[in-house]
Amino acid sequence: MGQLVDELKPRFEQKVNFVIVFVDKAEEQPVAEKYNVQYVPATFLFDKGGDETNNYTGVVDKGVLTSKLEDLAK
């Protein structure tokens, strides 16, 4: 998943914030608990208002993620 984020980040980073959370780190456990992360990778997408628009468990297809990021970047 990291490679996909690295690939897409340059295209979207001016309009989309990318946040990587390592759920095995104690200081980041509250985030994992808040979003009920049970399996990794887990991907959550939020709109400009901070509302969750999509979430995925497992590796997200590049085309799907690209399309969702394009929608969020508008």
PDB file of N, CA and C in Angstrom:
ATOM      1  N   MET A   1       0.832  -1.189   0.000  1.00  0.00           N
ATOM      2  CA  MET A   1       0.000   0.000   0.000  1.00  0.00           C
ATOM      3  C   MET A   1       0.874   1.249   0.000  1.00  0.00           C
ATOM      4  N   GLY A   2       2.002   1.172   0.666  1.00  0.00           N
ATOM      5  CA  GLY A   2       2.901   2.312   0.716  1.00  0.00           C
ATOM      6  C   GLY A   2       3.398   2.730  -0.653  1.00  0.00           C
ATOM      7  N   GLN A   3       3.677   1.751  -1.520  1.00  0.00           N
ATOM      8  CA  GLN A   3       4.136   2.075  -2.868  1.00  0.00           C
ATOM      9  C   GLN A   3       3.059   2.820  -3.647  1.00  0.00           C
ATOM     10  N   LEU A   4       1.807   2.400  -3.481  1.00  0.00           N
ATOM     11  CA  LEU A   4       0.714   3.054  -4.184  1.00  0.00           C
ATOM     12  C   LEU A   4       0.552   4.493  -3.699  1.00  0.00           C
ATOM     13  N   VAL A   5       0.622   4.689  -2.397  1.00  0.00           N
ATOM     14  CA  VAL A   5       0.535   6.048  -1.850  1.00  0.00           C
ATOM     15  C   VAL A   5       1.693   6.886  -2.370  1.00  0.00           C
ATOM     16  N   ASP A   6       2.890   6.325  -2.362  1.00  0.00           N
ATOM     17  CA  ASP A   6       4.058   7.060  -2.870  1.00  0.00           C
ATOM     18  C   ASP A   6       3.882   7.440  -4.339  1.00  0.00           C
ATOM     19  N   GLU A   7       3.242   6.566  -5.095  1.00  0.00           N
ATOM     20  CA  GLU A   7       3.027   6.828  -6.514  1.00  0.00           C
ATOM     21  C   GLU A   7       1.978   7.919  -6.740  1.00  0.00           C
ATOM     22  N   LEU A   8       0.913   7.905  -5.946  1.00  0.00           N
ATOM     23  CA  LEU A   8      -0.189   8.856  -6.144  1.00  0.00           C
ATOM     24  C   LEU A   8       0.014  10.193  -5.443  1.00  0.00           C
ATOM     25  N   LYS A   9       0.804  10.207  -4.410  1.00  0.00           N
ATOM     26  CA  LYS A   9       0.986  11.416  -3.602  1.00  0.00           C
ATOM     27  C   LYS A   9       1.420  12.637  -4.414  1.00  0.00           C
ATOM     28  N   PRO A  10       2.415  12.548  -5.287  1.00  0.00           N
ATOM     29  CA  PRO A  10       2.818  13.749  -6.038  1.00  0.00           C
ATOM     30  C   PRO A  10       1.675  14.349  -6.867  1.00  0.00           C
ATOM     31  N   ARG A  11       0.817  13.502  -7.365  1.00  0.00           N
ATOM     32  CA  ARG A  11      -0.300  13.973  -8.197  1.00  0.00           C
ATOM     33  C   ARG A  11      -1.369  14.701  -7.388  1.00  0.00           C
ATOM     34  N   PHE A  12      -1.561  14.304  -6.133  1.00  0.00           N
ATOM     35  CA  PHE A  12      -2.680  14.816  -5.354  1.00  0.00           C
ATOM     36  C   PHE A  12      -2.295  15.637  -4.121  1.00  0.00           C
ATOM     37  N   GLU A  13      -1.024  15.687  -3.769  1.00  0.00           N
ATOM     38  CA  GLU A  13      -0.651  16.266  -2.480  1.00  0.00           C
ATOM     39  C   GLU A  13      -0.970  17.751  -2.328  1.00  0.00           C
ATOM     40  N   GLN A  14      -1.217  18.458  -3.410  1.00  0.00           N
ATOM     41  CA  GLN A  14      -1.596  19.868  -3.296  1.00  0.00           C
ATOM     42  C   GLN A  14      -3.050  20.035  -2.842  1.00  0.00           C
ATOM     43  N   LYS A  15      -3.872  18.985  -3.015  1.00  0.00           N
ATOM     44  CA  LYS A  15      -5.296  19.088  -2.687  1.00  0.00           C
ATOM     45  C   LYS A  15      -5.769  18.043  -1.686  1.00  0.00           C
ATOM     46  N   VAL A  16      -4.934  17.058  -1.417  1.00  0.00           N
ATOM     47  CA  VAL A  16      -5.323  15.967  -0.534  1.00  0.00           C
ATOM     48  C   VAL A  16      -4.213  15.748   0.492  1.00  0.00           C
ATOM     49  N   ASN A  17      -4.595  15.596   1.757  1.00  0.00           N
ATOM     50  CA  ASN A  17      -3.618  15.286   2.799  1.00  0.00           C
ATOM     51  C   ASN A  17      -3.498  13.776   2.933  1.00  0.00           C
ATOM     52  N   PHE A  18      -2.280  13.296   2.954  1.00  0.00           N
ATOM     53  CA  PHE A  18      -2.017  11.881   3.162  1.00  0.00           C
ATOM     54  C   PHE A  18      -1.482  11.716   4.575  1.00  0.00           C
ATOM     55  N   VAL A  19      -2.100  10.854   5.345  1.00  0.00           N
ATOM     56  CA  VAL A  19      -1.654  10.582   6.706  1.00  0.00           C
ATOM     57  C   VAL A  19      -1.471   9.085   6.838  1.00  0.00           C
ATOM     58  N   ILE A  20      -0.286   8.675   7.222  1.00  0.00           N
ATOM     59  CA  ILE A  20       0.021   7.264   7.424  1.00  0.00           C
ATOM     60  C   ILE A  20       0.059   7.024   8.926  1.00  0.00           C
ATOM     61  N   VAL A  21      -0.669   6.033   9.380  1.00  0.00           N
ATOM     62  CA  VAL A  21      -0.699   5.680  10.799  1.00  0.00           C
ATOM     63  C   VAL A  21      -0.164   4.265  10.940  1.00  0.00           C
ATOM     64  N   PHE A  22       0.800   4.095  11.808  1.00  0.00           N
ATOM     65  CA  PHE A  22       1.348   2.773  12.090  1.00  0.00           C
ATOM     66  C   PHE A  22       0.678   2.255  13.347  1.00  0.00           C
ATOM     67  N   VAL A  23      -0.285   1.366  13.161  1.00  0.00           N
ATOM     68  CA  VAL A  23      -1.132   0.930  14.267  1.00  0.00           C
ATOM     69  C   VAL A  23      -0.393   0.091  15.297  1.00  0.00           C
ATOM     70  N   ASP A  24       0.803  -0.361  14.984  1.00  0.00           N
ATOM     71  CA  ASP A  24       1.573  -1.132  15.956  1.00  0.00           C
ATOM     72  C   ASP A  24       2.365  -0.240  16.906  1.00  0.00           C
ATOM     73  N   LYS A  25       2.336   1.061  16.685  1.00  0.00           N
ATOM     74  CA  LYS A  25       3.009   2.004  17.580  1.00  0.00           C
ATOM     75  C   LYS A  25       2.029   2.448  18.664  1.00  0.00           C
ATOM     76  N   ALA A  26       2.457   2.392  19.892  1.00  0.00           N
ATOM     77  CA  ALA A  26       1.585   2.706  21.023  1.00  0.00           C
ATOM     78  C   ALA A  26       0.970   4.097  20.919  1.00  0.00           C
ATOM     79  N   GLU A  27       1.750   5.069  20.467  1.00  0.00           N
ATOM     80  CA  GLU A  27       1.243   6.446  20.402  1.00  0.00           C
ATOM     81  C   GLU A  27       0.182   6.633  19.319  1.00  0.00           C
ATOM     82  N   GLU A  28       0.082   5.698  18.392  1.00  0.00           N
ATOM     83  CA  GLU A  28      -0.913   5.813  17.326  1.00  0.00           C
ATOM     84  C   GLU A  28      -2.108   4.879  17.524  1.00  0.00           C
ATOM     85  N   GLN A  29      -2.106   4.126  18.622  1.00  0.00           N
ATOM     86  CA  GLN A  29      -3.211   3.219  18.923  1.00  0.00           C
ATOM     87  C   GLN A  29      -4.557   3.930  19.063  1.00  0.00           C
ATOM     88  N   PRO A  30      -4.612   5.139  19.641  1.00  0.00           N
ATOM     89  CA  PRO A  30      -5.917   5.818  19.720  1.00  0.00           C
ATOM     90  C   PRO A  30      -6.575   6.031  18.354  1.00  0.00           C
ATOM     91  N   VAL A  31      -5.782   6.287  17.333  1.00  0.00           N
ATOM     92  CA  VAL A  31      -6.339   6.463  15.987  1.00  0.00           C
ATOM     93  C   VAL A  31      -6.897   5.135  15.489  1.00  0.00           C
ATOM     94  N   ALA A  32      -6.149   4.063  15.685  1.00  0.00           N
ATOM     95  CA  ALA A  32      -6.608   2.734  15.268  1.00  0.00           C
ATOM     96  C   ALA A  32      -7.902   2.364  15.983  1.00  0.00           C
ATOM     97  N   GLU A  33      -7.991   2.684  17.242  1.00  0.00           N
ATOM     98  CA  GLU A  33      -9.202   2.384  18.006  1.00  0.00           C
ATOM     99  C   GLU A  33     -10.374   3.244  17.545  1.00  0.00           C
ATOM    100  N   LYS A  34     -10.124   4.519  17.296  1.00  0.00           N
ATOM    101  CA  LYS A  34     -11.195   5.422  16.866  1.00  0.00           C
ATOM    102  C   LYS A  34     -11.859   4.925  15.592  1.00  0.00           C
ATOM    103  N   TYR A  35     -11.061   4.406  14.667  1.00  0.00           N
ATOM    104  CA  TYR A  35     -11.591   3.952  13.377  1.00  0.00           C
ATOM    105  C   TYR A  35     -11.761   2.437  13.314  1.00  0.00           C
ATOM    106  N   ASN A  36     -11.636   1.787  14.468  1.00  0.00           N
ATOM    107  CA  ASN A  36     -11.875   0.350  14.592  1.00  0.00           C
ATOM    108  C   ASN A  36     -11.069  -0.452  13.563  1.00  0.00           C
ATOM    109  N   VAL A  37      -9.800  -0.143  13.447  1.00  0.00           N
ATOM    110  CA  VAL A  37      -8.925  -0.864  12.520  1.00  0.00           C
ATOM    111  C   VAL A  37      -8.671  -2.258  13.088  1.00  0.00           C
ATOM    112  N   GLN A  38      -9.117  -3.260  12.368  1.00  0.00           N
ATOM    113  CA  GLN A  38      -8.939  -4.647  12.774  1.00  0.00           C
ATOM    114  C   GLN A  38      -7.853  -5.336  11.951  1.00  0.00           C
ATOM    115  N   TYR A  39      -7.694  -4.896  10.709  1.00  0.00           N
ATOM    116  CA  TYR A  39      -6.746  -5.515   9.781  1.00  0.00           C
ATOM    117  C   TYR A  39      -5.987  -4.423   9.043  1.00  0.00           C
ATOM    118  N   VAL A  40      -4.775  -4.753   8.617  1.00  0.00           N
ATOM    119  CA  VAL A  40      -3.992  -3.801   7.839  1.00  0.00           C
ATOM    120  C   VAL A  40      -3.626  -4.432   6.511  1.00  0.00           C
ATOM    121  N   PRO A  41      -3.526  -3.656   5.476  1.00  0.00           N
ATOM    122  CA  PRO A  41      -3.743  -2.212   5.487  1.00  0.00           C
ATOM    123  C   PRO A  41      -5.220  -1.856   5.550  1.00  0.00           C
ATOM    124  N   ALA A  42      -5.481  -0.710   6.117  1.00  0.00           N
ATOM    125  CA  ALA A  42      -6.818  -0.128   6.147  1.00  0.00           C
ATOM    126  C   ALA A  42      -6.693   1.290   5.610  1.00  0.00           C
ATOM    127  N   THR A  43      -7.592   1.659   4.736  1.00  0.00           N
ATOM    128  CA  THR A  43      -7.552   2.970   4.099  1.00  0.00           C
ATOM    129  C   THR A  43      -8.858   3.692   4.366  1.00  0.00           C
ATOM    130  N   PHE A  44      -8.751   4.925   4.834  1.00  0.00           N
ATOM    131  CA  PHE A  44      -9.921   5.752   5.115  1.00  0.00           C
ATOM    132  C   PHE A  44      -9.796   7.040   4.320  1.00  0.00           C
ATOM    133  N   LEU A  45     -10.872   7.450   3.688  1.00  0.00           N
ATOM    134  CA  LEU A  45     -10.894   8.695   2.931  1.00  0.00           C
ATOM    135  C   LEU A  45     -11.905   9.628   3.576  1.00  0.00           C
ATOM    136  N   PHE A  46     -11.526  10.903   3.685  1.00  0.00           N
ATOM    137  CA  PHE A  46     -12.360  11.919   4.321  1.00  0.00           C
ATOM    138  C   PHE A  46     -12.515  13.104   3.388  1.00  0.00           C
ATOM    139  N   ASP A  47     -13.679  13.752   3.446  1.00  0.00           N
ATOM    140  CA  ASP A  47     -13.877  14.951   2.637  1.00  0.00           C
ATOM    141  C   ASP A  47     -13.287  16.159   3.359  1.00  0.00           C
ATOM    142  N   LYS A  48     -13.421  17.325   2.752  1.00  0.00           N
ATOM    143  CA  LYS A  48     -12.841  18.558   3.315  1.00  0.00           C
ATOM    144  C   LYS A  48     -13.407  18.893   4.686  1.00  0.00           C
ATOM    145  N   GLY A  49     -14.623  18.444   4.952  1.00  0.00           N
ATOM    146  CA  GLY A  49     -15.250  18.692   6.250  1.00  0.00           C
ATOM    147  C   GLY A  49     -14.848  17.702   7.320  1.00  0.00           C
ATOM    148  N   GLY A  50     -14.046  16.709   6.931  1.00  0.00           N
ATOM    149  CA  GLY A  50     -13.594  15.713   7.891  1.00  0.00           C
ATOM    150  C   GLY A  50     -14.528  14.525   8.024  1.00  0.00           C
ATOM    151  N   ASP A  51     -15.527  14.444   7.152  1.00  0.00           N
ATOM    152  CA  ASP A  51     -16.452  13.319   7.188  1.00  0.00           C
ATOM    153  C   ASP A  51     -15.895  12.159   6.367  1.00  0.00           C
ATOM    154  N   GLU A  52     -15.973  10.970   6.923  1.00  0.00           N
ATOM    155  CA  GLU A  52     -15.486   9.787   6.222  1.00  0.00           C
ATOM    156  C   GLU A  52     -16.357   9.519   5.000  1.00  0.00           C
ATOM    157  N   THR A  53     -15.707   9.357   3.856  1.00  0.00           N
ATOM    158  CA  THR A  53     -16.446   9.087   2.624  1.00  0.00           C
ATOM    159  C   THR A  53     -16.308   7.637   2.178  1.00  0.00           C
ATOM    160  N   ASN A  54     -15.179   7.031   2.461  1.00  0.00           N
ATOM    161  CA  ASN A  54     -14.935   5.647   2.078  1.00  0.00           C
ATOM    162  C   ASN A  54     -13.950   5.020   3.038  1.00  0.00           C
ATOM    163  N   ASN A  55     -14.049   3.692   3.204  1.00  0.00           N
ATOM    164  CA  ASN A  55     -12.999   2.971   3.914  1.00  0.00           C
ATOM    165  C   ASN A  55     -12.839   1.601   3.281  1.00  0.00           C
ATOM    166  N   TYR A  56     -11.618   1.113   3.313  1.00  0.00           N
ATOM    167  CA  TYR A  56     -11.269  -0.143   2.676  1.00  0.00           C
ATOM    168  C   TYR A  56     -10.366  -0.943   3.601  1.00  0.00           C
ATOM    169  N   THR A  57     -10.581  -2.240   3.631  1.00  0.00           N
ATOM    170  CA  THR A  57      -9.681  -3.150   4.323  1.00  0.00           C
ATOM    171  C   THR A  57      -8.959  -3.959   3.261  1.00  0.00           C
ATOM    172  N   GLY A  58      -7.651  -4.037   3.383  1.00  0.00           N
ATOM    173  CA  GLY A  58      -6.850  -4.716   2.374  1.00  0.00           C
ATOM    174  C   GLY A  58      -6.320  -3.710   1.376  1.00  0.00           C
ATOM    175  N   VAL A  59      -5.609  -4.213   0.405  1.00  0.00           N
ATOM    176  CA  VAL A  59      -5.017  -3.354  -0.610  1.00  0.00           C
ATOM    177  C   VAL A  59      -6.120  -2.810  -1.517  1.00  0.00           C
ATOM    178  N   VAL A  60      -6.102  -1.505  -1.738  1.00  0.00           N
ATOM    179  CA  VAL A  60      -7.093  -0.854  -2.594  1.00  0.00           C
ATOM    180  C   VAL A  60      -6.579  -0.857  -4.031  1.00  0.00           C
ATOM    181  N   ASP A  61      -7.456  -1.191  -4.951  1.00  0.00           N
ATOM    182  CA  ASP A  61      -7.114  -1.160  -6.367  1.00  0.00           C
ATOM    183  C   ASP A  61      -6.685   0.257  -6.757  1.00  0.00           C
ATOM    184  N   LYS A  62      -5.627   0.360  -7.530  1.00  0.00           N
ATOM    185  CA  LYS A  62      -5.095   1.663  -7.930  1.00  0.00           C
ATOM    186  C   LYS A  62      -6.146   2.511  -8.641  1.00  0.00           C
ATOM    187  N   GLY A  63      -6.901   1.919  -9.551  1.00  0.00           N
ATOM    188  CA  GLY A  63      -7.920   2.668 -10.278  1.00  0.00           C
ATOM    189  C   GLY A  63      -9.018   3.190  -9.362  1.00  0.00           C
ATOM    190  N   VAL A  64      -9.426   2.368  -8.420  1.00  0.00           N
ATOM    191  CA  VAL A  64     -10.462   2.785  -7.461  1.00  0.00           C
ATOM    192  C   VAL A  64      -9.954   3.939  -6.607  1.00  0.00           C
ATOM    193  N   LEU A  65      -8.754   3.794  -6.055  1.00  0.00           N
ATOM    194  CA  LEU A  65      -8.211   4.848  -5.197  1.00  0.00           C
ATOM    195  C   LEU A  65      -7.989   6.138  -5.971  1.00  0.00           C
ATOM    196  N   THR A  66      -7.478   6.037  -7.178  1.00  0.00           N
ATOM    197  CA  THR A  66      -7.260   7.216  -8.006  1.00  0.00           C
ATOM    198  C   THR A  66      -8.572   7.940  -8.258  1.00  0.00           C
ATOM    199  N   SER A  67      -9.610   7.206  -8.601  1.00  0.00           N
ATOM    200  CA  SER A  67     -10.923   7.805  -8.851  1.00  0.00           C
ATOM    201  C   SER A  67     -11.458   8.503  -7.611  1.00  0.00           C
ATOM    202  N   LYS A  68     -11.334   7.864  -6.460  1.00  0.00           N
ATOM    203  CA  LYS A  68     -11.838   8.468  -5.216  1.00  0.00           C
ATOM    204  C   LYS A  68     -11.038   9.720  -4.865  1.00  0.00           C
ATOM    205  N   LEU A  69      -9.734   9.685  -5.063  1.00  0.00           N
ATOM    206  CA  LEU A  69      -8.909  10.858  -4.781  1.00  0.00           C
ATOM    207  C   LEU A  69      -9.227  11.999  -5.744  1.00  0.00           C
ATOM    208  N   GLU A  70      -9.494  11.678  -6.999  1.00  0.00           N
ATOM    209  CA  GLU A  70      -9.899  12.715  -7.953  1.00  0.00           C
ATOM    210  C   GLU A  70     -11.194  13.388  -7.488  1.00  0.00           C
ATOM    211  N   ASP A  71     -12.140  12.609  -7.019  1.00  0.00           N
ATOM    212  CA  ASP A  71     -13.395  13.165  -6.509  1.00  0.00           C
ATOM    213  C   ASP A  71     -13.140  14.079  -5.305  1.00  0.00           C
ATOM    214  N   LEU A  72     -12.291  13.637  -4.392  1.00  0.00           N
ATOM    215  CA  LEU A  72     -12.001  14.434  -3.200  1.00  0.00           C
ATOM    216  C   LEU A  72     -11.217  15.702  -3.519  1.00  0.00           C
ATOM    217  N   ALA A  73     -10.413  15.667  -4.564  1.00  0.00           N
ATOM    218  CA  ALA A  73      -9.560  16.802  -4.919  1.00  0.00           C
ATOM    219  C   ALA A  73     -10.326  17.929  -5.601  1.00  0.00           C
ATOM    220  N   LYS A  74     -11.557  17.697  -5.965  1.00  0.00           N
ATOM    221  CA  LYS A  74     -12.344  18.731  -6.675  1.00  0.00           C
ATOM    222  C   LYS A  74     -12.665  19.885  -5.770  1.00  0.00           C
TER     223      LYS A  74
END
